[in-house]
């Protein structure tokens, strides 16, 4: 039996990929989409991001590392777990930040406020079946740059801190990087 990692390798080499249908187990729509989307995602990563698959046969579970090269979070390395649900691409991937961070759009428990990860959105910027994993990676990366939103925060305390005292906010961000995000950067 050909595994998903072999299928991904075939796709990268430009070879046609077939998903075998055995009578007892059929390949899901999600898994068929992921073979193509993972290839696209890996070939279009921002320079500050890396993707890692702990199990190359489980394309629906992977890790994204973001290491901003400028701005408040420069010098830190931030780790995110991505779990793609069976109902993908109707439902968005579930993303959790594993690195403790002082950020207006990422709670200290790892929850993330990123509009494209919302199942429903009033402003039409939420998840839709036309979005891909590449969009998720670029969206997470943008949280450390232009999409950092102090006006619609998940971590209200961090946003208020920035509004009240930007210098103190930067000091706390730097402190969090030193305590929680430096060990990853040394890898």
Protein backbone atom coordinates (compact mmCIF):
# COMPACT_ATOMS: atom_id res chain seq x y z
CA UNK A 1 0.00 0.00 0.00
CA UNK A 2 1.30 3.45 -0.90
CA UNK A 3 1.36 5.85 2.06
CA UNK A 4 0.52 9.55 1.98
CA UNK A 5 4.21 10.43 2.36
CA UNK A 6 5.01 8.40 -0.75
CA UNK A 7 2.17 10.16 -2.56
CA UNK A 8 3.57 13.54 -1.54
CA UNK A 9 7.00 12.50 -2.80
CA UNK A 10 5.46 11.40 -6.10
CA UNK A 11 3.64 14.72 -6.41
CA UNK A 12 6.86 16.66 -5.71
CA UNK A 13 8.61 14.68 -8.44
CA UNK A 14 5.84 15.57 -10.89
CA UNK A 15 4.60 11.99 -11.11
CA UNK A 16 0.86 11.30 -11.26
CA UNK A 17 -0.60 10.41 -7.88
CA UNK A 18 -3.44 7.98 -7.43
CA UNK A 19 -5.25 7.46 -4.20
CA UNK A 20 -6.12 3.76 -3.96
CA UNK A 21 -9.64 2.84 -2.99
CA UNK A 22 -9.75 -0.38 -1.04
CA UNK A 23 -13.17 -1.84 -0.24
CA UNK A 24 -12.69 -1.43 3.50
CA UNK A 25 -11.03 2.01 3.56
CA UNK A 26 -11.47 4.86 1.12
CA UNK A 27 -9.24 7.87 0.93
CA UNK A 28 -11.05 10.89 2.29
CA UNK A 29 -11.59 14.06 0.32
CA UNK A 30 -9.43 15.78 2.93
CA UNK A 31 -6.50 13.44 2.29
CA UNK A 32 -6.79 13.90 -1.47
CA UNK A 33 -6.75 17.68 -1.06
CA UNK A 34 -3.85 17.58 1.37
CA UNK A 35 -1.49 15.82 -1.03
CA UNK A 36 -1.77 18.78 -3.40
CA UNK A 37 -2.04 21.51 -0.76
CA UNK A 38 0.95 20.37 1.28
CA UNK A 39 3.09 20.44 -1.84
CA UNK A 40 1.87 23.96 -2.66
CA UNK A 41 2.34 25.12 0.94
CA UNK A 42 5.90 23.80 1.17
CA UNK A 43 6.91 25.44 -2.11
CA UNK A 44 5.45 28.83 -1.09
CA UNK A 45 6.59 29.29 2.52
CA UNK A 46 7.53 32.72 3.81
CA UNK A 47 11.26 32.82 4.59
CA UNK A 48 10.46 33.15 8.31
CA UNK A 49 8.41 29.92 8.44
CA UNK A 50 9.14 26.21 8.54
CA UNK A 51 6.75 23.27 8.37
CA UNK A 52 7.43 19.94 10.03
CA UNK A 53 5.50 16.68 9.83
CA UNK A 54 6.16 14.46 12.86
CA UNK A 55 4.54 11.62 10.92
CA UNK A 56 4.84 12.06 7.13
CA UNK A 57 1.88 9.69 6.68
CA UNK A 58 -0.39 12.09 8.58
CA UNK A 59 -0.55 15.15 6.36
CA UNK A 60 -3.47 16.41 8.46
CA UNK A 61 -1.24 16.98 11.51
CA UNK A 62 1.81 19.19 11.30
CA UNK A 63 3.77 21.92 12.98
CA UNK A 64 4.56 25.44 11.80
CA UNK A 65 7.44 27.46 13.23
CA UNK A 66 7.50 31.22 12.75
CA UNK A 67 10.69 33.18 13.48
CA UNK A 68 9.98 36.88 12.80
CA UNK A 69 12.94 38.80 11.42
CA UNK A 70 11.68 42.25 12.40
CA UNK A 71 9.16 43.94 14.66
CA UNK A 72 8.15 43.34 18.28
CA UNK A 73 8.68 39.55 18.17
CA UNK A 74 12.01 39.52 16.31
CA UNK A 75 14.43 37.05 17.87
CA UNK A 76 11.71 34.65 19.01
CA UNK A 77 10.66 31.37 17.49
CA UNK A 78 6.99 30.49 17.81
CA UNK A 79 5.61 27.00 17.44
CA UNK A 80 2.09 26.19 16.16
CA UNK A 81 0.29 22.85 15.86
CA UNK A 82 -2.10 22.44 12.95
CA UNK A 83 -4.80 19.78 12.86
CA UNK A 84 -6.84 19.53 9.68
CA UNK A 85 -10.32 18.13 10.43
CA UNK A 86 -11.94 15.38 8.39
CA UNK A 87 -14.47 17.94 7.04
CA UNK A 88 -11.70 20.08 5.53
CA UNK A 89 -12.02 22.21 3.34
CA UNK A 90 -15.52 23.04 4.50
CA UNK A 91 -14.12 23.58 8.02
CA UNK A 92 -10.85 25.43 8.72
CA UNK A 93 -7.80 23.77 10.26
CA UNK A 94 -7.50 24.00 14.04
CA UNK A 95 -4.36 25.89 15.03
CA UNK A 96 -2.85 26.24 18.49
CA UNK A 97 0.21 28.24 19.52
CA UNK A 98 2.51 26.12 21.71
CA UNK A 99 4.86 28.95 22.65
CA UNK A 100 3.79 31.31 25.41
CA UNK A 101 3.66 34.78 23.91
CA UNK A 102 2.60 38.34 24.78
CA UNK A 103 0.53 39.23 21.73
CA UNK A 104 -2.86 40.94 21.23
CA UNK A 105 -4.11 38.22 18.85
CA UNK A 106 -2.71 35.15 20.62
CA UNK A 107 -3.88 34.27 24.12
CA UNK A 108 -1.37 32.99 26.64
CA UNK A 109 -3.15 29.60 26.51
CA UNK A 110 -2.36 29.36 22.77
CA UNK A 111 -5.74 30.30 21.28
CA UNK A 112 -5.40 32.38 18.12
CA UNK A 113 -7.52 35.20 16.72
CA UNK A 114 -7.02 35.08 12.97
CA UNK A 115 -10.07 35.83 10.84
CA UNK A 116 -9.32 33.24 8.17
CA UNK A 117 -9.49 30.50 10.84
CA UNK A 118 -13.04 31.47 11.82
CA UNK A 119 -15.78 29.16 10.57
CA UNK A 120 -18.10 32.13 10.18
CA UNK A 121 -17.30 35.78 9.89
CA UNK A 122 -19.45 38.88 9.51
CA UNK A 123 -16.89 40.62 7.31
CA UNK A 124 -16.43 37.73 4.82
CA UNK A 125 -12.78 37.29 5.82
CA UNK A 126 -13.39 33.99 7.60
CA UNK A 127 -12.78 30.50 6.30
CA UNK A 128 -14.11 29.47 2.93
CA UNK A 129 -13.47 26.35 0.83
CA UNK A 130 -11.34 28.43 -1.54
CA UNK A 131 -8.73 28.99 1.18
CA UNK A 132 -5.76 26.64 1.47
CA UNK A 133 -3.05 25.62 3.93
CA UNK A 134 -0.74 28.12 2.26
CA UNK A 135 -3.17 30.86 3.35
CA UNK A 136 -3.01 29.58 6.93
CA UNK A 137 0.81 29.70 7.00
CA UNK A 138 0.92 33.19 5.50
CA UNK A 139 -1.82 34.33 7.91
CA UNK A 140 0.06 33.05 10.96
CA UNK A 141 3.23 34.71 9.70
CA UNK A 142 1.36 37.99 9.15
CA UNK A 143 0.23 38.03 12.81
CA UNK A 144 3.81 39.03 13.60
CA UNK A 145 3.77 41.84 11.03
CA UNK A 146 0.89 43.63 9.28
CA UNK A 147 -2.03 41.55 10.64
CA UNK A 148 -1.20 42.21 14.27
CA UNK A 149 -4.49 43.81 15.32
CA UNK A 150 -4.58 45.88 18.49
CA UNK A 151 -8.15 47.03 17.71
CA UNK A 152 -9.75 43.54 17.70
CA UNK A 153 -7.68 41.64 20.27
CA UNK A 154 -8.08 38.20 21.76
CA UNK A 155 -5.64 39.09 24.53
CA UNK A 156 -7.25 42.33 25.67
CA UNK A 157 -4.65 42.86 28.38
CA UNK A 158 -1.80 42.80 25.82
CA UNK A 159 -3.63 45.24 23.52
CA UNK A 160 -4.37 47.63 26.37
CA UNK A 161 -0.75 47.38 27.50
CA UNK A 162 0.42 48.44 24.01
CA UNK A 163 -2.05 51.35 23.93
CA UNK A 164 -1.01 52.49 27.41
CA UNK A 165 2.80 52.13 27.14
CA UNK A 166 4.48 50.88 23.97
CA UNK A 167 7.94 50.79 25.54
CA UNK A 168 6.74 48.67 28.46
CA UNK A 169 4.84 46.45 26.00
CA UNK A 170 8.08 45.84 24.04
CA UNK A 171 9.90 45.02 27.29
CA UNK A 172 7.27 42.42 28.21
CA UNK A 173 7.35 40.91 24.69
CA UNK A 174 11.14 40.68 24.94
CA UNK A 175 10.88 39.11 28.39
CA UNK A 176 8.47 36.46 27.04
CA UNK A 177 10.81 35.77 24.11
CA UNK A 178 13.75 35.30 26.47
CA UNK A 179 11.76 33.02 28.79
CA UNK A 180 9.63 31.02 26.35
CA UNK A 181 10.71 31.49 22.72
CA UNK A 182 14.52 31.50 22.74
CA UNK A 183 15.08 27.77 23.24
CA UNK A 184 13.29 27.08 19.97
CA UNK A 185 15.43 29.63 18.14
CA UNK A 186 18.60 27.77 19.12
CA UNK A 187 17.48 24.57 17.36
